[in-house]
């Protein structure tokens, strides 16, 4: 069994809450943050299980920037984060 560590972001959009795992580009939604988290966790699990069935899980993780940290696939961490604004 592989251990995989990801991030979960939750946003409010058009009256719904959206959960997003940015590293895997997997998202789902719910009527509240808890539902969004639960449905996104389910979507991530289904995505990872399908990759594993297809034999591509480790390739997908590596291409998404994950690395092995002991016995856990861990998402890369930014060296810096900034919010930028542009006027076009």
N, C-alpha and C. Protein backbone atom coordinates (compact mmCIF):
# COMPACT_ATOMS: atom_id res chain seq x y z
N UNK A 1 0.84 -1.18 0.00
CA UNK A 1 0.00 0.00 0.00
C UNK A 1 0.89 1.24 0.00
N UNK A 2 0.63 2.16 -0.93
CA UNK A 2 1.37 3.41 -1.01
C UNK A 2 0.73 4.46 -0.12
N UNK A 3 1.55 5.26 0.50
CA UNK A 3 1.05 6.42 1.25
C UNK A 3 1.28 7.65 0.39
N UNK A 4 0.26 8.50 0.31
CA UNK A 4 0.34 9.69 -0.53
C UNK A 4 -0.19 10.88 0.25
N UNK A 5 0.57 11.96 0.29
CA UNK A 5 0.18 13.16 1.02
C UNK A 5 -0.11 14.27 0.01
N UNK A 6 -1.32 14.85 0.09
CA UNK A 6 -1.73 15.92 -0.82
C UNK A 6 -2.29 17.10 -0.04
N UNK A 7 -2.51 18.20 -0.73
CA UNK A 7 -3.15 19.38 -0.15
C UNK A 7 -4.61 19.42 -0.58
N UNK A 8 -5.44 20.00 0.26
CA UNK A 8 -6.84 20.22 -0.07
C UNK A 8 -7.15 21.68 0.15
N UNK A 9 -7.69 22.32 -0.88
CA UNK A 9 -8.12 23.72 -0.79
C UNK A 9 -9.63 23.72 -0.96
N UNK A 10 -10.32 24.57 -0.20
CA UNK A 10 -11.77 24.68 -0.33
C UNK A 10 -12.12 26.13 -0.61
N UNK A 11 -12.92 26.33 -1.65
CA UNK A 11 -13.34 27.65 -2.09
C UNK A 11 -14.86 27.71 -2.10
N UNK A 12 -15.40 28.91 -2.00
CA UNK A 12 -16.83 29.09 -2.18
C UNK A 12 -17.05 29.71 -3.55
N UNK A 13 -17.87 29.03 -4.37
CA UNK A 13 -18.14 29.50 -5.73
C UNK A 13 -19.62 29.33 -6.02
N UNK A 14 -20.29 30.40 -6.36
CA UNK A 14 -21.69 30.36 -6.77
C UNK A 14 -22.58 29.58 -5.80
N UNK A 15 -22.41 29.82 -4.51
CA UNK A 15 -23.25 29.19 -3.50
C UNK A 15 -22.86 27.77 -3.13
N UNK A 16 -21.86 27.20 -3.78
CA UNK A 16 -21.36 25.86 -3.47
C UNK A 16 -19.96 25.98 -2.91
N UNK A 17 -19.53 24.95 -2.22
CA UNK A 17 -18.15 24.86 -1.76
C UNK A 17 -17.44 23.86 -2.64
N UNK A 18 -16.27 24.24 -3.14
CA UNK A 18 -15.50 23.40 -4.05
C UNK A 18 -14.21 23.00 -3.36
N UNK A 19 -13.95 21.71 -3.35
CA UNK A 19 -12.69 21.19 -2.83
C UNK A 19 -11.77 20.91 -4.01
N UNK A 20 -10.51 21.26 -3.86
CA UNK A 20 -9.54 21.09 -4.94
C UNK A 20 -8.25 20.52 -4.39
N UNK A 21 -7.76 19.47 -5.04
CA UNK A 21 -6.41 18.96 -4.79
C UNK A 21 -5.57 19.45 -5.96
N UNK A 22 -4.84 20.57 -5.78
CA UNK A 22 -4.13 21.17 -6.91
C UNK A 22 -3.04 20.29 -7.52
N UNK A 23 -2.39 19.46 -6.71
CA UNK A 23 -1.30 18.63 -7.24
C UNK A 23 -1.81 17.61 -8.26
N UNK A 24 -3.03 17.11 -8.05
CA UNK A 24 -3.58 16.09 -8.94
C UNK A 24 -4.65 16.65 -9.87
N UNK A 25 -4.99 17.92 -9.68
CA UNK A 25 -6.05 18.57 -10.45
C UNK A 25 -7.37 17.80 -10.34
N UNK A 26 -7.69 17.40 -9.10
CA UNK A 26 -8.93 16.68 -8.81
C UNK A 26 -9.78 17.59 -7.93
N UNK A 27 -11.07 17.69 -8.27
CA UNK A 27 -11.94 18.55 -7.47
C UNK A 27 -13.32 17.92 -7.35
N UNK A 28 -14.06 18.42 -6.38
CA UNK A 28 -15.46 18.03 -6.19
C UNK A 28 -16.12 19.15 -5.40
N UNK A 29 -17.37 18.95 -4.98
CA UNK A 29 -18.09 20.05 -4.35
C UNK A 29 -19.05 19.52 -3.30
N UNK A 30 -19.61 20.46 -2.52
CA UNK A 30 -20.62 20.13 -1.53
C UNK A 30 -21.36 21.39 -1.11
N UNK A 31 -22.40 21.21 -0.31
CA UNK A 31 -23.20 22.34 0.17
C UNK A 31 -22.52 23.09 1.30
N UNK A 32 -21.51 22.49 1.92
CA UNK A 32 -20.76 23.14 2.99
C UNK A 32 -19.31 22.63 2.91
N UNK A 33 -18.40 23.24 3.66
CA UNK A 33 -16.99 22.83 3.57
C UNK A 33 -16.76 21.35 3.90
N UNK A 34 -17.51 20.83 4.86
CA UNK A 34 -17.33 19.42 5.24
C UNK A 34 -17.74 18.48 4.11
N UNK A 35 -18.86 18.79 3.44
CA UNK A 35 -19.29 17.98 2.31
C UNK A 35 -18.29 18.08 1.16
N UNK A 36 -17.79 19.28 0.91
CA UNK A 36 -16.81 19.47 -0.15
C UNK A 36 -15.54 18.66 0.15
N UNK A 37 -15.10 18.66 1.40
CA UNK A 37 -13.92 17.89 1.77
C UNK A 37 -14.17 16.40 1.57
N UNK A 38 -15.29 15.91 2.06
CA UNK A 38 -15.60 14.48 1.94
C UNK A 38 -15.71 14.04 0.48
N UNK A 39 -16.41 14.84 -0.34
CA UNK A 39 -16.57 14.45 -1.74
C UNK A 39 -15.26 14.56 -2.51
N UNK A 40 -14.40 15.50 -2.13
CA UNK A 40 -13.10 15.62 -2.79
C UNK A 40 -12.19 14.48 -2.37
N UNK A 41 -12.24 14.08 -1.11
CA UNK A 41 -11.47 12.91 -0.67
C UNK A 41 -11.89 11.67 -1.43
N UNK A 42 -13.19 11.51 -1.65
CA UNK A 42 -13.69 10.37 -2.41
C UNK A 42 -13.20 10.44 -3.86
N UNK A 43 -13.24 11.62 -4.46
CA UNK A 43 -12.78 11.78 -5.84
C UNK A 43 -11.29 11.48 -5.97
N UNK A 44 -10.50 11.93 -5.00
CA UNK A 44 -9.06 11.65 -5.02
C UNK A 44 -8.82 10.15 -4.89
N UNK A 45 -9.52 9.51 -3.97
CA UNK A 45 -9.37 8.06 -3.78
C UNK A 45 -9.70 7.31 -5.06
N UNK A 46 -10.81 7.66 -5.70
CA UNK A 46 -11.20 7.00 -6.94
C UNK A 46 -10.16 7.22 -8.04
N UNK A 47 -9.66 8.45 -8.14
CA UNK A 47 -8.63 8.77 -9.13
C UNK A 47 -7.38 7.92 -8.90
N UNK A 48 -6.90 7.88 -7.65
CA UNK A 48 -5.69 7.13 -7.34
C UNK A 48 -5.89 5.63 -7.55
N UNK A 49 -7.05 5.11 -7.16
CA UNK A 49 -7.33 3.68 -7.36
C UNK A 49 -7.35 3.34 -8.85
N UNK A 50 -7.93 4.20 -9.66
CA UNK A 50 -7.98 3.94 -11.10
C UNK A 50 -6.58 3.98 -11.70
N UNK A 51 -5.77 4.94 -11.28
CA UNK A 51 -4.37 4.98 -11.75
C UNK A 51 -3.64 3.70 -11.37
N UNK A 52 -3.88 3.23 -10.15
CA UNK A 52 -3.23 2.01 -9.68
C UNK A 52 -3.69 0.81 -10.52
N UNK A 53 -4.97 0.72 -10.82
CA UNK A 53 -5.48 -0.38 -11.65
C UNK A 53 -4.84 -0.37 -13.03
N UNK A 54 -4.61 0.83 -13.56
CA UNK A 54 -4.03 0.97 -14.89
C UNK A 54 -2.51 0.80 -14.88
N UNK A 55 -1.92 0.73 -13.69
CA UNK A 55 -0.48 0.57 -13.58
C UNK A 55 0.30 1.85 -13.81
N UNK A 56 -0.37 3.00 -13.67
CA UNK A 56 0.29 4.27 -13.96
C UNK A 56 0.44 5.17 -12.73
N UNK A 57 0.11 4.68 -11.56
CA UNK A 57 0.07 5.54 -10.38
C UNK A 57 1.41 6.22 -10.10
N UNK A 58 2.48 5.46 -10.05
CA UNK A 58 3.78 6.06 -9.74
C UNK A 58 4.21 7.05 -10.82
N UNK A 59 3.91 6.76 -12.07
CA UNK A 59 4.22 7.68 -13.17
C UNK A 59 3.43 8.98 -13.03
N UNK A 60 2.12 8.85 -12.73
CA UNK A 60 1.27 10.04 -12.56
C UNK A 60 1.79 10.89 -11.41
N UNK A 61 2.14 10.26 -10.30
CA UNK A 61 2.65 11.01 -9.14
C UNK A 61 3.96 11.71 -9.48
N UNK A 62 4.87 11.01 -10.12
CA UNK A 62 6.17 11.60 -10.47
C UNK A 62 5.98 12.78 -11.43
N UNK A 63 5.11 12.61 -12.43
CA UNK A 63 4.88 13.70 -13.39
C UNK A 63 4.19 14.89 -12.74
N UNK A 64 3.45 14.66 -11.65
CA UNK A 64 2.78 15.75 -10.94
C UNK A 64 3.72 16.42 -9.93
N UNK A 65 4.97 15.97 -9.85
CA UNK A 65 5.95 16.62 -8.98
C UNK A 65 6.07 16.02 -7.60
N UNK A 66 5.47 14.86 -7.36
CA UNK A 66 5.60 14.20 -6.06
C UNK A 66 6.98 13.57 -5.95
N UNK A 67 7.43 13.37 -4.72
CA UNK A 67 8.70 12.69 -4.47
C UNK A 67 8.52 11.78 -3.27
N UNK A 68 9.37 10.76 -3.18
CA UNK A 68 9.31 9.84 -2.05
C UNK A 68 10.00 10.47 -0.85
N UNK A 69 9.29 10.52 0.26
CA UNK A 69 9.82 11.01 1.53
C UNK A 69 9.65 9.87 2.52
N UNK A 70 10.68 9.05 2.65
CA UNK A 70 10.56 7.84 3.45
C UNK A 70 9.67 6.86 2.72
N UNK A 71 8.51 6.54 3.31
CA UNK A 71 7.58 5.60 2.67
C UNK A 71 6.34 6.31 2.14
N UNK A 72 6.42 7.64 1.97
CA UNK A 72 5.26 8.43 1.57
C UNK A 72 5.57 9.27 0.33
N UNK A 73 4.68 9.21 -0.65
CA UNK A 73 4.75 10.13 -1.79
C UNK A 73 4.26 11.48 -1.30
N UNK A 74 5.08 12.51 -1.43
CA UNK A 74 4.76 13.84 -0.91
C UNK A 74 4.78 14.85 -2.06
N UNK A 75 3.80 15.73 -2.04
CA UNK A 75 3.73 16.77 -3.07
C UNK A 75 4.86 17.76 -2.88
N UNK A 76 5.38 18.25 -3.99
CA UNK A 76 6.45 19.26 -3.89
C UNK A 76 5.92 20.49 -3.16
N UNK A 77 6.82 21.17 -2.51
CA UNK A 77 6.47 22.38 -1.77
C UNK A 77 7.17 23.57 -2.43
N UNK A 78 6.45 24.67 -2.58
CA UNK A 78 7.09 25.83 -3.21
C UNK A 78 8.18 26.42 -2.31
N UNK A 79 9.15 27.02 -2.93
CA UNK A 79 10.20 27.71 -2.20
C UNK A 79 9.67 29.07 -1.74
N UNK A 80 8.75 29.63 -2.54
CA UNK A 80 8.13 30.90 -2.20
C UNK A 80 6.73 30.93 -2.81
N UNK A 81 5.86 31.68 -2.17
CA UNK A 81 4.51 31.88 -2.69
C UNK A 81 4.19 33.36 -2.62
N UNK A 82 3.59 33.86 -3.69
CA UNK A 82 3.19 35.27 -3.74
C UNK A 82 1.87 35.38 -4.46
N UNK A 83 1.12 36.40 -4.09
CA UNK A 83 -0.08 36.75 -4.83
C UNK A 83 0.27 37.93 -5.71
N UNK A 84 0.02 37.79 -7.00
CA UNK A 84 0.35 38.87 -7.94
C UNK A 84 -0.94 39.43 -8.52
N UNK A 85 -0.91 40.71 -8.85
CA UNK A 85 -2.04 41.37 -9.52
C UNK A 85 -1.56 41.98 -10.82
N UNK A 86 -2.42 41.89 -11.83
CA UNK A 86 -2.08 42.45 -13.13
C UNK A 86 -3.25 43.28 -13.63
N UNK A 87 -2.95 44.34 -14.32
CA UNK A 87 -3.95 45.13 -15.02
C UNK A 87 -3.66 45.02 -16.50
N UNK A 88 -4.62 44.56 -17.25
CA UNK A 88 -4.41 44.34 -18.68
C UNK A 88 -5.34 45.23 -19.47
